[in-house]
Amino acid sequence: MNTFDERKKGFEAKYINDQESEFKIRAKRNKLIGLWAAEIIKPSNVDEYVKQVRLSDLEEPGDEDIIKKLLDDFENSSQKISRNVIEEKLIELENLASEEFFNKKNN
């Protein structure tokens, strides 16, 4: 195997690792946003609600699907939470999930 092949394999392994890390961080973020929303909405079954929030993010690429679900849920429970607040919370919780992931990975 030549140096080019070794570099190619290294880049492929890094890409796979990065994708896996991104998936785990996003899954943790979605769990956290579900728990945050559950505190506000107060569903009868918090675990089931968090699961629904996490699954809603699989409907389409990006965050639009999870934002729409949360907006609908807040509206249906007569909560006045804006799209901007949800977007800011997603960023905050993604940063927290990333921090936790990399701290755990490095320990």
PDB file of N, CA and C in Angstrom:
ATOM      1  N   MET A   1       0.853  -1.178   0.000  1.00  0.00           N
ATOM      2  CA  MET A   1       0.000   0.000   0.000  1.00  0.00           C
ATOM      3  C   MET A   1       0.899   1.241   0.000  1.00  0.00           C
ATOM      4  N   ASN A   2       0.560   2.201  -0.846  1.00  0.00           N
ATOM      5  CA  ASN A   2       1.394   3.401  -0.910  1.00  0.00           C
ATOM      6  C   ASN A   2       0.864   4.491   0.035  1.00  0.00           C
ATOM      7  N   THR A   3       1.591   5.550   0.140  1.00  0.00           N
ATOM      8  CA  THR A   3       1.257   6.650   1.044  1.00  0.00           C
ATOM      9  C   THR A   3      -0.091   7.268   0.707  1.00  0.00           C
ATOM     10  N   PHE A   4      -0.392   7.386  -0.579  1.00  0.00           N
ATOM     11  CA  PHE A   4      -1.678   7.953  -0.991  1.00  0.00           C
ATOM     12  C   PHE A   4      -2.831   7.104  -0.468  1.00  0.00           C
ATOM     13  N   ASP A   5      -2.735   5.791  -0.610  1.00  0.00           N
ATOM     14  CA  ASP A   5      -3.789   4.895  -0.123  1.00  0.00           C
ATOM     15  C   ASP A   5      -3.946   4.996   1.391  1.00  0.00           C
ATOM     16  N   GLU A   6      -2.832   5.107   2.093  1.00  0.00           N
ATOM     17  CA  GLU A   6      -2.879   5.234   3.553  1.00  0.00           C
ATOM     18  C   GLU A   6      -3.558   6.542   3.961  1.00  0.00           C
ATOM     19  N   ARG A   7      -3.227   7.618   3.266  1.00  0.00           N
ATOM     20  CA  ARG A   7      -3.867   8.915   3.558  1.00  0.00           C
ATOM     21  C   ARG A   7      -5.358   8.856   3.264  1.00  0.00           C
ATOM     22  N   LYS A   8      -5.713   8.214   2.156  1.00  0.00           N
ATOM     23  CA  LYS A   8      -7.121   8.091   1.784  1.00  0.00           C
ATOM     24  C   LYS A   8      -7.882   7.336   2.865  1.00  0.00           C
ATOM     25  N   LYS A   9      -7.328   6.220   3.328  1.00  0.00           N
ATOM     26  CA  LYS A   9      -7.970   5.441   4.386  1.00  0.00           C
ATOM     27  C   LYS A   9      -8.091   6.260   5.673  1.00  0.00           C
ATOM     28  N   GLY A  10      -7.075   7.043   5.971  1.00  0.00           N
ATOM     29  CA  GLY A  10      -7.100   7.901   7.157  1.00  0.00           C
ATOM     30  C   GLY A  10      -8.209   8.937   7.076  1.00  0.00           C
ATOM     31  N   PHE A  11      -8.355   9.576   5.912  1.00  0.00           N
ATOM     32  CA  PHE A  11      -9.417  10.563   5.720  1.00  0.00           C
ATOM     33  C   PHE A  11     -10.798   9.914   5.801  1.00  0.00           C
ATOM     34  N   GLU A  12     -10.943   8.735   5.222  1.00  0.00           N
ATOM     35  CA  GLU A  12     -12.216   8.026   5.273  1.00  0.00           C
ATOM     36  C   GLU A  12     -12.583   7.670   6.713  1.00  0.00           C
ATOM     37  N   ALA A  13     -11.604   7.205   7.474  1.00  0.00           N
ATOM     38  CA  ALA A  13     -11.848   6.844   8.877  1.00  0.00           C
ATOM     39  C   ALA A  13     -12.235   8.085   9.682  1.00  0.00           C
ATOM     40  N   LYS A  14     -11.569   9.207   9.418  1.00  0.00           N
ATOM     41  CA  LYS A  14     -11.894  10.447  10.124  1.00  0.00           C
ATOM     42  C   LYS A  14     -13.307  10.905   9.770  1.00  0.00           C
ATOM     43  N   TYR A  15     -13.663  10.816   8.516  1.00  0.00           N
ATOM     44  CA  TYR A  15     -15.004  11.218   8.078  1.00  0.00           C
ATOM     45  C   TYR A  15     -16.065  10.375   8.785  1.00  0.00           C
ATOM     46  N   ILE A  16     -15.862   9.076   8.818  1.00  0.00           N
ATOM     47  CA  ILE A  16     -16.819   8.181   9.485  1.00  0.00           C
ATOM     48  C   ILE A  16     -16.915   8.532  10.967  1.00  0.00           C
ATOM     49  N   ASN A  17     -15.782   8.756  11.598  1.00  0.00           N
ATOM     50  CA  ASN A  17     -15.763   9.117  13.017  1.00  0.00           C
ATOM     51  C   ASN A  17     -16.488  10.447  13.260  1.00  0.00           C
ATOM     52  N   ASP A  18     -16.240  11.428  12.390  1.00  0.00           N
ATOM     53  CA  ASP A  18     -16.898  12.730  12.516  1.00  0.00           C
ATOM     54  C   ASP A  18     -18.413  12.608  12.354  1.00  0.00           C
ATOM     55  N   GLN A  19     -18.854  11.793  11.396  1.00  0.00           N
ATOM     56  CA  GLN A  19     -20.288  11.598  11.173  1.00  0.00           C
ATOM     57  C   GLN A  19     -20.940  10.927  12.385  1.00  0.00           C
ATOM     58  N   GLU A  20     -20.263   9.946  12.939  1.00  0.00           N
ATOM     59  CA  GLU A  20     -20.777   9.253  14.116  1.00  0.00           C
ATOM     60  C   GLU A  20     -20.866  10.204  15.309  1.00  0.00           C
ATOM     61  N   SER A  21     -19.852  11.021  15.492  1.00  0.00           N
ATOM     62  CA  SER A  21     -19.852  11.999  16.588  1.00  0.00           C
ATOM     63  C   SER A  21     -20.989  12.992  16.410  1.00  0.00           C
ATOM     64  N   GLU A  22     -21.165  13.490  15.198  1.00  0.00           N
ATOM     65  CA  GLU A  22     -22.236  14.445  14.908  1.00  0.00           C
ATOM     66  C   GLU A  22     -23.603  13.839  15.202  1.00  0.00           C
ATOM     67  N   PHE A  23     -23.804  12.574  14.818  1.00  0.00           N
ATOM     68  CA  PHE A  23     -25.072  11.896  15.067  1.00  0.00           C
ATOM     69  C   PHE A  23     -25.343  11.785  16.572  1.00  0.00           C
ATOM     70  N   LYS A  24     -24.332  11.395  17.333  1.00  0.00           N
ATOM     71  CA  LYS A  24     -24.502  11.233  18.781  1.00  0.00           C
ATOM     72  C   LYS A  24     -24.785  12.563  19.473  1.00  0.00           C
ATOM     73  N   ILE A  25     -24.099  13.610  19.037  1.00  0.00           N
ATOM     74  CA  ILE A  25     -24.331  14.941  19.613  1.00  0.00           C
ATOM     75  C   ILE A  25     -25.738  15.409  19.298  1.00  0.00           C
ATOM     76  N   ARG A  26     -26.170  15.212  18.071  1.00  0.00           N
ATOM     77  CA  ARG A  26     -27.512  15.631  17.667  1.00  0.00           C
ATOM     78  C   ARG A  26     -28.581  14.852  18.426  1.00  0.00           C
ATOM     79  N   ALA A  27     -28.369  13.561  18.618  1.00  0.00           N
ATOM     80  CA  ALA A  27     -29.327  12.736  19.375  1.00  0.00           C
ATOM     81  C   ALA A  27     -29.431  13.230  20.816  1.00  0.00           C
ATOM     82  N   LYS A  28     -28.300  13.564  21.423  1.00  0.00           N
ATOM     83  CA  LYS A  28     -28.296  14.084  22.793  1.00  0.00           C
ATOM     84  C   LYS A  28     -28.986  15.437  22.839  1.00  0.00           C
ATOM     85  N   ARG A  29     -28.703  16.294  21.860  1.00  0.00           N
ATOM     86  CA  ARG A  29     -29.356  17.607  21.807  1.00  0.00           C
ATOM     87  C   ARG A  29     -30.864  17.460  21.706  1.00  0.00           C
ATOM     88  N   ASN A  30     -31.313  16.530  20.878  1.00  0.00           N
ATOM     89  CA  ASN A  30     -32.750  16.330  20.703  1.00  0.00           C
ATOM     90  C   ASN A  30     -33.403  15.807  21.979  1.00  0.00           C
ATOM     91  N   LYS A  31     -32.701  14.969  22.704  1.00  0.00           N
ATOM     92  CA  LYS A  31     -33.219  14.497  23.993  1.00  0.00           C
ATOM     93  C   LYS A  31     -33.345  15.674  24.957  1.00  0.00           C
ATOM     94  N   LEU A  32     -32.319  16.504  24.997  1.00  0.00           N
ATOM     95  CA  LEU A  32     -32.338  17.661  25.898  1.00  0.00           C
ATOM     96  C   LEU A  32     -33.441  18.647  25.529  1.00  0.00           C
ATOM     97  N   ILE A  33     -33.650  18.891  24.228  1.00  0.00           N
ATOM     98  CA  ILE A  33     -34.706  19.831  23.825  1.00  0.00           C
ATOM     99  C   ILE A  33     -36.077  19.241  24.143  1.00  0.00           C
ATOM    100  N   GLY A  34     -36.198  17.916  24.021  1.00  0.00           N
ATOM    101  CA  GLY A  34     -37.453  17.255  24.397  1.00  0.00           C
ATOM    102  C   GLY A  34     -37.732  17.387  25.878  1.00  0.00           C
ATOM    103  N   LEU A  35     -36.710  17.240  26.698  1.00  0.00           N
ATOM    104  CA  LEU A  35     -36.877  17.395  28.147  1.00  0.00           C
ATOM    105  C   LEU A  35     -37.220  18.838  28.507  1.00  0.00           C
ATOM    106  N   TRP A  36     -36.579  19.779  27.824  1.00  0.00           N
ATOM    107  CA  TRP A  36     -36.878  21.198  28.057  1.00  0.00           C
ATOM    108  C   TRP A  36     -38.342  21.491  27.713  1.00  0.00           C
ATOM    109  N   ALA A  37     -38.777  21.034  26.549  1.00  0.00           N
ATOM    110  CA  ALA A  37     -40.168  21.268  26.131  1.00  0.00           C
ATOM    111  C   ALA A  37     -41.141  20.569  27.072  1.00  0.00           C
ATOM    112  N   ALA A  38     -40.784  19.376  27.527  1.00  0.00           N
ATOM    113  CA  ALA A  38     -41.658  18.627  28.442  1.00  0.00           C
ATOM    114  C   ALA A  38     -41.849  19.375  29.760  1.00  0.00           C
ATOM    115  N   GLU A  39     -40.824  20.069  30.221  1.00  0.00           N
ATOM    116  CA  GLU A  39     -40.954  20.871  31.450  1.00  0.00           C
ATOM    117  C   GLU A  39     -42.002  21.958  31.279  1.00  0.00           C
ATOM    118  N   ILE A  40     -42.111  22.479  30.078  1.00  0.00           N
ATOM    119  CA  ILE A  40     -43.050  23.566  29.803  1.00  0.00           C
ATOM    120  C   ILE A  40     -44.447  23.012  29.525  1.00  0.00           C
ATOM    121  N   ILE A  41     -44.523  21.980  28.696  1.00  0.00           N
ATOM    122  CA  ILE A  41     -45.811  21.430  28.251  1.00  0.00           C
ATOM    123  C   ILE A  41     -46.450  20.533  29.316  1.00  0.00           C
ATOM    124  N   LYS A  42     -45.627  19.835  30.064  1.00  0.00           N
ATOM    125  CA  LYS A  42     -46.077  18.892  31.094  1.00  0.00           C
ATOM    126  C   LYS A  42     -46.939  17.761  30.518  1.00  0.00           C
ATOM    127  N   PRO A  43     -46.374  16.974  29.599  1.00  0.00           N
ATOM    128  CA  PRO A  43     -47.139  15.843  29.037  1.00  0.00           C
ATOM    129  C   PRO A  43     -47.346  14.772  30.101  1.00  0.00           C
ATOM    130  N   SER A  44     -48.327  13.916  29.885  1.00  0.00           N
ATOM    131  CA  SER A  44     -48.608  12.853  30.859  1.00  0.00           C
ATOM    132  C   SER A  44     -47.473  11.838  30.922  1.00  0.00           C
ATOM    133  N   ASN A  45     -46.778  11.598  29.803  1.00  0.00           N
ATOM    134  CA  ASN A  45     -45.665  10.657  29.774  1.00  0.00           C
ATOM    135  C   ASN A  45     -44.443  11.362  29.171  1.00  0.00           C
ATOM    136  N   VAL A  46     -43.550  11.800  30.029  1.00  0.00           N
ATOM    137  CA  VAL A  46     -42.380  12.570  29.591  1.00  0.00           C
ATOM    138  C   VAL A  46     -41.485  11.754  28.667  1.00  0.00           C
ATOM    139  N   ASP A  47     -41.230  10.491  29.024  1.00  0.00           N
ATOM    140  CA  ASP A  47     -40.354   9.656  28.197  1.00  0.00           C
ATOM    141  C   ASP A  47     -40.908   9.481  26.787  1.00  0.00           C
ATOM    142  N   GLU A  48     -42.192   9.251  26.682  1.00  0.00           N
ATOM    143  CA  GLU A  48     -42.828   9.085  25.369  1.00  0.00           C
ATOM    144  C   GLU A  48     -42.766  10.397  24.580  1.00  0.00           C
ATOM    145  N   TYR A  49     -42.981  11.508  25.267  1.00  0.00           N
ATOM    146  CA  TYR A  49     -42.919  12.802  24.589  1.00  0.00           C
ATOM    147  C   TYR A  49     -41.512  13.069  24.047  1.00  0.00           C
ATOM    148  N   VAL A  50     -40.496  12.815  24.866  1.00  0.00           N
ATOM    149  CA  VAL A  50     -39.109  13.016  24.430  1.00  0.00           C
ATOM    150  C   VAL A  50     -38.810  12.131  23.221  1.00  0.00           C
ATOM    151  N   LYS A  51     -39.307  10.913  23.246  1.00  0.00           N
ATOM    152  CA  LYS A  51     -39.122  10.004  22.113  1.00  0.00           C
ATOM    153  C   LYS A  51     -39.759  10.588  20.844  1.00  0.00           C
ATOM    154  N   GLN A  52     -40.967  11.145  20.977  1.00  0.00           N
ATOM    155  CA  GLN A  52     -41.646  11.749  19.825  1.00  0.00           C
ATOM    156  C   GLN A  52     -40.841  12.930  19.272  1.00  0.00           C
ATOM    157  N   VAL A  53     -40.288  13.733  20.166  1.00  0.00           N
ATOM    158  CA  VAL A  53     -39.473  14.881  19.729  1.00  0.00           C
ATOM    159  C   VAL A  53     -38.250  14.380  18.973  1.00  0.00           C
ATOM    160  N   ARG A  54     -37.580  13.377  19.539  1.00  0.00           N
ATOM    161  CA  ARG A  54     -36.377  12.838  18.888  1.00  0.00           C
ATOM    162  C   ARG A  54     -36.710  12.265  17.506  1.00  0.00           C
ATOM    163  N   LEU A  55     -37.819  11.554  17.404  1.00  0.00           N
ATOM    164  CA  LEU A  55     -38.217  10.962  16.118  1.00  0.00           C
ATOM    165  C   LEU A  55     -38.621  12.021  15.100  1.00  0.00           C
ATOM    166  N   SER A  56     -39.170  13.131  15.578  1.00  0.00           N
ATOM    167  CA  SER A  56     -39.603  14.181  14.651  1.00  0.00           C
ATOM    168  C   SER A  56     -38.428  14.755  13.871  1.00  0.00           C
ATOM    169  N   ASP A  57     -37.233  14.678  14.437  1.00  0.00           N
ATOM    170  CA  ASP A  57     -36.063  15.229  13.757  1.00  0.00           C
ATOM    171  C   ASP A  57     -35.595  14.355  12.598  1.00  0.00           C
ATOM    172  N   LEU A  58     -36.162  13.175  12.454  1.00  0.00           N
ATOM    173  CA  LEU A  58     -35.761  12.269  11.375  1.00  0.00           C
ATOM    174  C   LEU A  58     -36.606  12.430  10.117  1.00  0.00           C
ATOM    175  N   GLU A  59     -37.588  13.330  10.173  1.00  0.00           N
ATOM    176  CA  GLU A  59     -38.521  13.474   9.057  1.00  0.00           C
ATOM    177  C   GLU A  59     -37.908  14.148   7.842  1.00  0.00           C
ATOM    178  N   GLU A  60     -37.020  15.113   8.061  1.00  0.00           N
ATOM    179  CA  GLU A  60     -36.385  15.819   6.952  1.00  0.00           C
ATOM    180  C   GLU A  60     -35.034  16.366   7.406  1.00  0.00           C
ATOM    181  N   PRO A  61     -34.137  16.661   6.483  1.00  0.00           N
ATOM    182  CA  PRO A  61     -32.829  17.199   6.874  1.00  0.00           C
ATOM    183  C   PRO A  61     -32.971  18.560   7.565  1.00  0.00           C
ATOM    184  N   GLY A  62     -32.056  18.856   8.448  1.00  0.00           N
ATOM    185  CA  GLY A  62     -32.076  20.144   9.138  1.00  0.00           C
ATOM    186  C   GLY A  62     -32.953  20.116  10.368  1.00  0.00           C
ATOM    187  N   ASP A  63     -33.210  21.292  10.907  1.00  0.00           N
ATOM    188  CA  ASP A  63     -33.963  21.410  12.161  1.00  0.00           C
ATOM    189  C   ASP A  63     -35.422  21.806  11.980  1.00  0.00           C
ATOM    190  N   GLU A  64     -35.834  22.059  10.748  1.00  0.00           N
ATOM    191  CA  GLU A  64     -37.188  22.564  10.518  1.00  0.00           C
ATOM    192  C   GLU A  64     -38.259  21.629  11.082  1.00  0.00           C
ATOM    193  N   ASP A  65     -38.064  20.318  10.944  1.00  0.00           N
ATOM    194  CA  ASP A  65     -39.062  19.363  11.406  1.00  0.00           C
ATOM    195  C   ASP A  65     -39.221  19.384  12.928  1.00  0.00           C
ATOM    196  N   ILE A  66     -38.132  19.465  13.657  1.00  0.00           N
ATOM    197  CA  ILE A  66     -38.215  19.480  15.118  1.00  0.00           C
ATOM    198  C   ILE A  66     -38.756  20.825  15.608  1.00  0.00           C
ATOM    199  N   ILE A  67     -38.387  21.907  14.936  1.00  0.00           N
ATOM    200  CA  ILE A  67     -38.899  23.230  15.300  1.00  0.00           C
ATOM    201  C   ILE A  67     -40.408  23.282  15.093  1.00  0.00           C
ATOM    202  N   LYS A  68     -40.865  22.758  13.964  1.00  0.00           N
ATOM    203  CA  LYS A  68     -42.311  22.750  13.674  1.00  0.00           C
ATOM    204  C   LYS A  68     -43.065  21.947  14.733  1.00  0.00           C
ATOM    205  N   LYS A  69     -42.553  20.785  15.099  1.00  0.00           N
ATOM    206  CA  LYS A  69     -43.211  19.975  16.124  1.00  0.00           C
ATOM    207  C   LYS A  69     -43.313  20.743  17.436  1.00  0.00           C
ATOM    208  N   LEU A  70     -42.206  21.348  17.860  1.00  0.00           N
ATOM    209  CA  LEU A  70     -42.220  22.082  19.123  1.00  0.00           C
ATOM    210  C   LEU A  70     -43.169  23.281  19.068  1.00  0.00           C
ATOM    211  N   LEU A  71     -43.162  24.013  17.958  1.00  0.00           N
ATOM    212  CA  LEU A  71     -44.087  25.141  17.818  1.00  0.00           C
ATOM    213  C   LEU A  71     -45.534  24.671  17.922  1.00  0.00           C
ATOM    214  N   ASP A  72     -45.852  23.567  17.230  1.00  0.00           N
ATOM    215  CA  ASP A  72     -47.215  23.018  17.283  1.00  0.00           C
ATOM    216  C   ASP A  72     -47.576  22.570  18.698  1.00  0.00           C
ATOM    217  N   ASP A  73     -46.646  21.886  19.352  1.00  0.00           N
ATOM    218  CA  ASP A  73     -46.907  21.402  20.711  1.00  0.00           C
ATOM    219  C   ASP A  73     -47.108  22.556  21.690  1.00  0.00           C
ATOM    220  N   PHE A  74     -46.285  23.583  21.568  1.00  0.00           N
ATOM    221  CA  PHE A  74     -46.442  24.740  22.453  1.00  0.00           C
ATOM    222  C   PHE A  74     -47.778  25.437  22.197  1.00  0.00           C
ATOM    223  N   GLU A  75     -48.120  25.589  20.930  1.00  0.00           N
ATOM    224  CA  GLU A  75     -49.397  26.231  20.599  1.00  0.00           C
ATOM    225  C   GLU A  75     -50.570  25.408  21.127  1.00  0.00           C
ATOM    226  N   ASN A  76     -50.516  24.092  20.957  1.00  0.00           N
ATOM    227  CA  ASN A  76     -51.602  23.218  21.422  1.00  0.00           C
ATOM    228  C   ASN A  76     -51.739  23.207  22.943  1.00  0.00           C
ATOM    229  N   SER A  77     -50.672  23.547  23.648  1.00  0.00           N
ATOM    230  CA  SER A  77     -50.749  23.594  25.113  1.00  0.00           C
ATOM    231  C   SER A  77     -50.842  25.040  25.615  1.00  0.00           C
ATOM    232  N   SER A  78     -51.186  25.947  24.702  1.00  0.00           N
ATOM    233  CA  SER A  78     -51.385  27.372  25.013  1.00  0.00           C
ATOM    234  C   SER A  78     -50.146  28.038  25.606  1.00  0.00           C
ATOM    235  N   GLN A  79     -48.984  27.619  25.138  1.00  0.00           N
ATOM    236  CA  GLN A  79     -47.728  28.234  25.570  1.00  0.00           C
ATOM    237  C   GLN A  79     -47.252  29.187  24.480  1.00  0.00           C
ATOM    238  N   LYS A  80     -46.805  30.341  24.879  1.00  0.00           N
ATOM    239  CA  LYS A  80     -46.336  31.352  23.923  1.00  0.00           C
ATOM    240  C   LYS A  80     -44.810  31.307  23.835  1.00  0.00           C
ATOM    241  N   ILE A  81     -44.297  30.295  23.132  1.00  0.00           N
ATOM    242  CA  ILE A  81     -42.857  30.154  22.918  1.00  0.00           C
ATOM    243  C   ILE A  81     -42.595  30.408  21.437  1.00  0.00           C
ATOM    244  N   SER A  82     -41.740  31.365  21.146  1.00  0.00           N
ATOM    245  CA  SER A  82     -41.498  31.757  19.752  1.00  0.00           C
ATOM    246  C   SER A  82     -40.482  30.843  19.070  1.00  0.00           C
ATOM    247  N   ARG A  83     -40.500  30.906  17.773  1.00  0.00           N
ATOM    248  CA  ARG A  83     -39.533  30.166  16.960  1.00  0.00           C
ATOM    249  C   ARG A  83     -38.108  30.564  17.343  1.00  0.00           C
ATOM    250  N   ASN A  84     -37.902  31.854  17.557  1.00  0.00           N
ATOM    251  CA  ASN A  84     -36.582  32.360  17.912  1.00  0.00           C
ATOM    252  C   ASN A  84     -36.084  31.735  19.229  1.00  0.00           C
ATOM    253  N   VAL A  85     -36.962  31.620  20.205  1.00  0.00           N
ATOM    254  CA  VAL A  85     -36.590  31.007  21.486  1.00  0.00           C
ATOM    255  C   VAL A  85     -36.200  29.543  21.272  1.00  0.00           C
ATOM    256  N   ILE A  86     -36.951  28.835  20.445  1.00  0.00           N
ATOM    257  CA  ILE A  86     -36.636  27.429  20.162  1.00  0.00           C
ATOM    258  C   ILE A  86     -35.288  27.310  19.459  1.00  0.00           C
ATOM    259  N   GLU A  87     -35.056  28.155  18.467  1.00  0.00           N
ATOM    260  CA  GLU A  87     -33.786  28.114  17.736  1.00  0.00           C
ATOM    261  C   GLU A  87     -32.605  28.403  18.663  1.00  0.00           C
ATOM    262  N   GLU A  88     -32.766  29.386  19.553  1.00  0.00           N
ATOM    263  CA  GLU A  88     -31.698  29.703  20.505  1.00  0.00           C
ATOM    264  C   GLU A  88     -31.456  28.539  21.461  1.00  0.00           C
ATOM    265  N   LYS A  89     -32.542  27.893  21.895  1.00  0.00           N
ATOM    266  CA  LYS A  89     -32.429  26.755  22.808  1.00  0.00           C
ATOM    267  C   LYS A  89     -31.739  25.589  22.103  1.00  0.00           C
ATOM    268  N   LEU A  90     -32.054  25.357  20.844  1.00  0.00           N
ATOM    269  CA  LEU A  90     -31.384  24.299  20.082  1.00  0.00           C
ATOM    270  C   LEU A  90     -29.872  24.533  20.026  1.00  0.00           C
ATOM    271  N   ILE A  91     -29.469  25.766  19.783  1.00  0.00           N
ATOM    272  CA  ILE A  91     -28.040  26.094  19.727  1.00  0.00           C
ATOM    273  C   ILE A  91     -27.399  25.876  21.100  1.00  0.00           C
ATOM    274  N   GLU A  92     -28.042  26.374  22.126  1.00  0.00           N
ATOM    275  CA  GLU A  92     -27.526  26.223  23.487  1.00  0.00           C
ATOM    276  C   GLU A  92     -27.356  24.748  23.848  1.00  0.00           C
ATOM    277  N   LEU A  93     -28.373  23.950  23.552  1.00  0.00           N
ATOM    278  CA  LEU A  93     -28.333  22.538  23.924  1.00  0.00           C
ATOM    279  C   LEU A  93     -27.396  21.737  23.034  1.00  0.00           C
ATOM    280  N   GLU A  94     -27.220  22.152  21.788  1.00  0.00           N
ATOM    281  CA  GLU A  94     -26.242  21.480  20.932  1.00  0.00           C
ATOM    282  C   GLU A  94     -24.828  21.729  21.458  1.00  0.00           C
ATOM    283  N   ASN A  95     -24.573  22.952  21.907  1.00  0.00           N
ATOM    284  CA  ASN A  95     -23.271  23.256  22.499  1.00  0.00           C
ATOM    285  C   ASN A  95     -23.042  22.434  23.768  1.00  0.00           C
ATOM    286  N   LEU A  96     -24.071  22.321  24.589  1.00  0.00           N
ATOM    287  CA  LEU A  96     -23.971  21.521  25.807  1.00  0.00           C
ATOM    288  C   LEU A  96     -23.732  20.049  25.482  1.00  0.00           C
ATOM    289  N   ALA A  97     -24.491  19.513  24.529  1.00  0.00           N
ATOM    290  CA  ALA A  97     -24.337  18.109  24.129  1.00  0.00           C
ATOM    291  C   ALA A  97     -22.942  17.857  23.562  1.00  0.00           C
ATOM    292  N   SER A  98     -22.431  18.787  22.790  1.00  0.00           N
ATOM    293  CA  SER A  98     -21.095  18.664  22.205  1.00  0.00           C
ATOM    294  C   SER A  98     -20.034  18.672  23.310  1.00  0.00           C
ATOM    295  N   GLU A  99     -20.182  19.596  24.230  1.00  0.00           N
ATOM    296  CA  GLU A  99     -19.260  19.688  25.360  1.00  0.00           C
ATOM    297  C   GLU A  99     -19.243  18.375  26.147  1.00  0.00           C
ATOM    298  N   GLU A 100     -20.427  17.866  26.479  1.00  0.00           N
ATOM    299  CA  GLU A 100     -20.533  16.615  27.230  1.00  0.00           C
ATOM    300  C   GLU A 100     -19.922  15.447  26.447  1.00  0.00           C
ATOM    301  N   PHE A 101     -20.192  15.401  25.153  1.00  0.00           N
ATOM    302  CA  PHE A 101     -19.681  14.316  24.313  1.00  0.00           C
ATOM    303  C   PHE A 101     -18.158  14.309  24.302  1.00  0.00           C
ATOM    304  N   PHE A 102     -17.555  15.465  24.055  1.00  0.00           N
ATOM    305  CA  PHE A 102     -16.101  15.513  23.945  1.00  0.00           C
ATOM    306  C   PHE A 102     -15.417  15.359  25.300  1.00  0.00           C
ATOM    307  N   ASN A 103     -16.059  15.845  26.375  1.00  0.00           N
ATOM    308  CA  ASN A 103     -15.507  15.626  27.714  1.00  0.00           C
ATOM    309  C   ASN A 103     -15.519  14.132  28.055  1.00  0.00           C
ATOM    310  N   LYS A 104     -16.613  13.475  27.725  1.00  0.00           N
ATOM    311  CA  LYS A 104     -16.743  12.034  27.991  1.00  0.00           C
ATOM    312  C   LYS A 104     -15.730  11.247  27.141  1.00  0.00           C
ATOM    313  N   LYS A 105     -15.582  11.662  25.890  1.00  0.00           N
ATOM    314  CA  LYS A 105     -14.679  10.978  24.955  1.00  0.00           C
ATOM    315  C   LYS A 105     -13.227  11.116  25.396  1.00  0.00           C
ATOM    316  N   ASN A 106     -12.880  12.261  25.962  1.00  0.00           N
ATOM    317  CA  ASN A 106     -11.496  12.521  26.358  1.00  0.00           C
ATOM    318  C   ASN A 106     -11.148  11.967  27.745  1.00  0.00           C
ATOM    319  N   ASN A 107     -12.131  11.491  28.471  1.00  0.00           N
ATOM    320  CA  ASN A 107     -11.863  10.928  29.805  1.00  0.00           C
ATOM    321  C   ASN A 107     -11.833   9.422  29.784  1.00  0.00           C
TER     322      ASN A 107
END
